[in-house]
């Protein structure tokens, strides 16, 4: 059910210019894919999230994105980047 809401929000992205909202949608999708073991998809959405939060200088969003990104790499046992 949650995924349906995330997907619907993602479908609305082209209709908005609200970068933080877009970044948050990408963070939610990245988190969803991480929690469901689809690490590459998670990283793709997290990269989009990081870009959006960085462009808006949203430190909290950047930190949240980095935490989930770190969890993705940890799950894959990729400790050195």
Protein backbone atom coordinates (compact mmCIF):
# COMPACT_ATOMS: atom_id res chain seq x y z
CA UNK A 1 0.00 0.00 0.00
CA UNK A 2 2.76 2.48 0.90
CA UNK A 3 4.47 1.80 -2.42
CA UNK A 4 1.31 2.84 -4.26
CA UNK A 5 1.42 6.23 -2.57
CA UNK A 6 5.13 6.64 -3.32
CA UNK A 7 4.51 5.73 -6.96
CA UNK A 8 1.61 8.16 -7.23
CA UNK A 9 3.75 10.93 -5.77
CA UNK A 10 6.47 10.06 -8.29
CA UNK A 11 3.94 10.29 -11.13
CA UNK A 12 3.14 13.85 -10.01
CA UNK A 13 6.79 14.96 -10.12
CA UNK A 14 6.61 16.33 -13.69
CA UNK A 15 3.77 18.60 -12.59
CA UNK A 16 5.77 20.39 -9.90
CA UNK A 17 8.89 22.48 -9.48
CA UNK A 18 9.03 21.93 -5.72
CA UNK A 19 12.53 20.46 -5.51
CA UNK A 20 12.35 19.42 -1.86
CA UNK A 21 9.07 17.59 -2.49
CA UNK A 22 10.65 15.80 -5.43
CA UNK A 23 13.74 14.96 -3.35
CA UNK A 24 11.53 13.62 -0.55
CA UNK A 25 9.61 11.45 -3.01
CA UNK A 26 12.90 10.05 -4.31
CA UNK A 27 14.09 9.45 -0.74
CA UNK A 28 10.90 7.53 0.06
CA UNK A 29 11.22 5.39 -3.05
CA UNK A 30 14.91 4.79 -2.33
CA UNK A 31 14.07 3.73 1.20
CA UNK A 32 11.31 1.45 -0.05
CA UNK A 33 13.59 -0.28 -2.54
CA UNK A 34 16.34 -0.60 0.09
CA UNK A 35 13.95 -2.24 2.53
CA UNK A 36 12.85 -4.66 -0.19
CA UNK A 37 16.39 -5.64 -1.17
CA UNK A 38 16.50 -3.85 -4.54
CA UNK A 39 19.71 -2.02 -3.76
CA UNK A 40 20.56 -0.66 -7.22
CA UNK A 41 17.07 0.81 -7.65
CA UNK A 42 17.39 2.28 -4.15
CA UNK A 43 20.72 3.88 -5.01
CA UNK A 44 19.30 5.35 -8.23
CA UNK A 45 16.48 7.09 -6.35
CA UNK A 46 18.79 8.13 -3.52
CA UNK A 47 21.16 9.80 -5.99
CA UNK A 48 18.24 11.84 -7.35
CA UNK A 49 17.24 12.68 -3.79
CA UNK A 50 20.77 13.83 -2.92
CA UNK A 51 20.90 16.10 -5.96
CA UNK A 52 17.57 17.74 -5.10
CA UNK A 53 18.40 18.29 -1.46
CA UNK A 54 21.86 19.60 -2.36
CA UNK A 55 20.46 22.10 -4.87
CA UNK A 56 18.15 23.42 -2.13
CA UNK A 57 20.88 23.29 0.54
CA UNK A 58 18.62 21.13 2.72
CA UNK A 59 21.08 19.69 5.23
CA UNK A 60 18.50 17.43 6.92
CA UNK A 61 17.51 15.89 3.59
CA UNK A 62 21.13 15.41 2.59
CA UNK A 63 21.84 13.66 5.90
CA UNK A 64 18.81 11.36 5.61
CA UNK A 65 19.79 10.46 2.07
CA UNK A 66 23.37 9.70 3.08
CA UNK A 67 22.21 7.48 5.95
CA UNK A 68 20.09 5.30 3.65
CA UNK A 69 22.83 5.30 1.00
CA UNK A 70 25.28 4.09 3.64
CA UNK A 71 22.86 1.34 4.65
CA UNK A 72 22.64 0.24 1.00
CA UNK A 73 26.41 -0.06 0.67
CA UNK A 74 26.64 -1.76 4.07
CA UNK A 75 24.05 -4.33 3.03
CA UNK A 76 26.16 -5.09 -0.06
CA UNK A 77 29.30 -5.19 2.12
CA UNK A 78 30.84 -2.34 0.12
CA UNK A 79 32.65 -0.52 2.86
CA UNK A 80 35.28 1.26 0.73
CA UNK A 81 34.11 3.72 -1.87
